[in-house]
Protein backbone atom coordinates (compact mmCIF):
# COMPACT_ATOMS: atom_id res chain seq x y z
CA MET A 1 33.22 -26.65 33.91
CA GLN A 2 30.16 -26.38 31.66
CA ASN A 3 27.05 -28.05 32.95
CA ASP A 4 24.38 -27.47 30.33
CA GLN A 5 23.80 -27.29 26.59
CA THR A 6 24.26 -23.48 26.58
CA GLY A 7 27.93 -23.77 27.48
CA LEU A 8 27.35 -21.86 30.71
CA ASP A 9 28.46 -23.18 34.08
CA ARG A 10 27.01 -22.48 37.51
CA PHE A 11 29.11 -19.32 37.96
CA ASP A 12 27.88 -17.93 34.63
CA HIS A 13 24.30 -18.66 35.66
CA ALA A 14 24.94 -17.03 39.03
CA ILE A 15 26.27 -13.90 37.32
CA LEU A 16 23.24 -13.72 35.03
CA THR A 17 20.73 -14.30 37.81
CA THR A 18 22.39 -11.80 40.13
CA LEU A 19 22.63 -9.09 37.46
CA ALA A 20 19.02 -9.73 36.41
CA GLY A 21 18.07 -8.67 39.93
CA ASP A 22 20.49 -5.71 40.12
CA GLY A 23 22.26 -4.69 36.91
CA ARG A 24 24.03 -1.81 38.66
CA MET A 25 25.93 -4.05 41.07
CA SER A 26 29.69 -3.44 41.26
CA ILE A 27 32.11 -6.16 40.15
CA ALA A 28 33.31 -6.52 43.75
CA ASP A 29 29.76 -7.07 45.02
CA LEU A 30 28.98 -9.43 42.15
CA ALA A 31 32.14 -11.45 42.84
CA ARG A 32 31.28 -11.69 46.53
CA ARG A 33 27.71 -12.83 45.74
CA ILE A 34 28.74 -15.60 43.35
CA GLY A 35 31.75 -16.80 45.33
CA LEU A 36 34.59 -15.91 42.96
CA SER A 37 37.32 -13.31 43.14
CA LYS A 38 36.97 -10.02 41.28
CA SER A 39 39.27 -10.77 38.31
CA PRO A 40 37.64 -14.04 37.13
CA THR A 41 34.20 -12.54 37.71
CA GLN A 42 35.06 -9.57 35.50
CA THR A 43 36.53 -11.88 32.83
CA ARG A 44 33.34 -13.99 32.84
CA LEU A 45 31.15 -10.89 32.69
CA ARG A 46 33.07 -9.51 29.69
CA ARG A 47 32.79 -12.92 27.95
CA LEU A 48 29.02 -13.05 28.57
CA GLU A 49 28.72 -9.55 27.08
CA ALA A 50 31.00 -10.33 24.10
CA ASP A 51 29.14 -13.59 23.38
CA GLY A 52 25.80 -11.75 23.35
CA VAL A 53 24.39 -13.58 26.37
CA ILE A 54 24.14 -10.22 28.12
CA THR A 55 22.67 -7.89 25.52
CA GLY A 56 22.65 -4.67 27.53
CA TYR A 57 21.72 -2.88 30.71
CA ARG A 58 18.77 -0.57 31.24
CA ALA A 59 16.57 1.05 33.81
CA LEU A 60 13.36 -0.85 34.54
CA ILE A 61 10.53 1.63 34.80
CA ASP A 62 7.29 0.89 36.64
CA PRO A 63 4.62 1.29 33.96
CA ILE A 64 1.89 1.77 36.59
CA ARG A 65 3.67 4.82 38.01
CA MET A 66 3.91 6.12 34.45
CA GLY A 67 0.14 5.84 34.10
CA LEU A 68 0.36 2.87 31.72
CA ASP A 69 -1.79 0.42 33.65
CA HIS A 70 -4.04 -0.81 30.84
CA VAL A 71 -2.70 -4.05 29.36
CA ALA A 72 -4.29 -5.89 26.48
CA PHE A 73 -3.18 -9.01 24.66
CA VAL A 74 -4.11 -9.07 21.00
CA GLU A 75 -4.30 -12.02 18.67
CA VAL A 76 -3.56 -10.89 15.13
CA ARG A 77 -4.50 -12.83 12.02
CA LEU A 78 -2.81 -11.97 8.73
CA SER A 79 -4.19 -12.32 5.22
CA ASP A 80 -0.76 -13.35 3.93
CA THR A 81 1.93 -15.28 5.81
CA ARG A 82 4.60 -15.53 3.15
CA GLU A 83 8.05 -14.30 4.22
CA ALA A 84 7.73 -10.90 2.55
CA ALA A 85 4.40 -10.26 4.30
CA LEU A 86 5.81 -11.31 7.67
CA ALA A 87 8.83 -9.06 7.16
CA ALA A 88 6.61 -6.08 6.30
CA PHE A 89 4.41 -6.72 9.32
CA ASN A 90 7.44 -7.12 11.63
CA ALA A 91 9.04 -3.90 10.39
CA ALA A 92 5.83 -1.96 10.99
CA VAL A 93 5.26 -3.46 14.47
CA VAL A 94 8.59 -2.22 15.83
CA GLN A 95 7.53 1.35 15.03
CA ILE A 96 4.53 1.28 17.42
CA GLY A 97 5.59 2.25 20.94
CA GLU A 98 2.47 0.88 22.63
CA ILE A 99 3.34 -2.64 21.48
CA GLU A 100 5.41 -3.97 24.37
CA GLN A 101 5.85 -7.47 22.93
CA ALA A 102 5.00 -9.19 19.65
CA HIS A 103 5.45 -12.89 18.97
CA LEU A 104 4.91 -14.96 15.82
CA ILE A 105 2.74 -17.87 16.96
CA ALA A 106 2.11 -21.37 15.66
CA GLY A 107 -1.63 -21.78 16.13
CA ASN A 108 -5.05 -20.45 15.12
CA PHE A 109 -3.72 -16.90 14.71
CA ASP A 110 -0.40 -15.47 13.53
CA TYR A 111 0.84 -13.03 16.19
CA LEU A 112 0.27 -12.42 19.88
CA MET A 113 1.00 -8.89 21.05
CA LYS A 114 1.10 -7.24 24.46
CA ILE A 115 -0.15 -3.67 24.29
CA ARG A 116 0.26 -1.18 27.15
CA THR A 117 -1.72 2.08 27.24
CA ARG A 118 -3.16 4.55 29.75
CA SER A 119 -6.80 3.56 29.30
CA MET A 120 -9.32 1.54 27.33
CA ALA A 121 -10.00 4.64 25.20
CA ASP A 122 -6.29 4.92 24.37
CA TYR A 123 -6.17 1.22 23.57
CA ARG A 124 -9.15 1.54 21.22
CA MET A 125 -7.30 4.29 19.33
CA VAL A 126 -4.12 2.20 19.10
CA LEU A 127 -6.13 -0.76 17.83
CA ALA A 128 -8.08 1.27 15.28
CA GLU A 129 -5.38 3.65 14.06
CA LYS A 130 -2.22 1.57 14.39
CA ILE A 131 -2.67 -2.19 14.81
CA SER A 132 -5.58 -2.61 12.38
CA THR A 133 -3.66 -0.67 9.73
CA LEU A 134 -0.53 -2.82 9.93
CA PRO A 135 0.35 -4.63 6.68
CA HIS A 136 -1.73 -7.72 5.92
CA VAL A 137 -3.88 -7.62 9.10
CA SER A 138 -7.16 -9.42 8.45
CA GLY A 139 -8.50 -9.58 12.01
CA THR A 140 -7.77 -9.18 15.70
CA SER A 141 -9.09 -10.45 19.02
CA THR A 142 -8.42 -8.60 22.27
CA TYR A 143 -8.05 -9.91 25.80
CA VAL A 144 -7.77 -7.30 28.56
CA ALA A 145 -5.59 -8.17 31.55
CA MET A 146 -7.21 -7.60 34.95
CA GLN A 147 -4.07 -8.18 37.04
CA ALA A 148 -0.41 -8.97 36.44
CA VAL A 149 0.52 -11.99 38.53
CA LYS A 150 4.13 -12.24 37.28
CA GLU A 151 6.09 -9.93 34.99
CA ASP A 152 9.68 -10.98 35.66
CA GLY A 153 12.32 -12.12 33.25
CA PRO A 154 13.22 -15.77 32.83
CA LEU A 155 15.84 -15.83 35.58
CA GLY A 156 14.72 -16.34 39.14
CA PRO A 157 16.35 -15.21 42.37
CA LEU A 158 19.93 -16.17 43.15
CA GLU A 159 18.79 -18.72 45.70
CA ASN A 160 17.59 -20.92 42.80
CA VAL A 161 21.08 -21.10 41.27
CA THR A 162 23.20 -24.08 42.26
């Protein structure tokens, strides 16, 4: 029984929330956690993967332990926002490893990016040598994060799933 506009029911949401917390969980453990038997759980999981709701599995690496504890958010203004200019900018952005996230924004600037580096000096080099040279960039504004309060995905703990 579907209970929302996404076509997902409470068991689908439970699967997604549970796997968001532990993507390496066995089917048997997943089935036990969501209250279904193994076979329907596996069928639902395969459907969620085939439908593109689950896009993959990966290791989550602590950036602080990797020495990447400098986070800056950058507003980017472009000199041209026609589709070809946006496409050129987007294609160039995906090539820069320090850019953790980039979002086209409706507002006083065009893009908001999250940049993660080892230090302020490294960030300055990324800004000067990479971000400022992206196609059609006319200006940037930087905001340095002092502390991450929340860096989870959109799904909360299983207890929030009904």
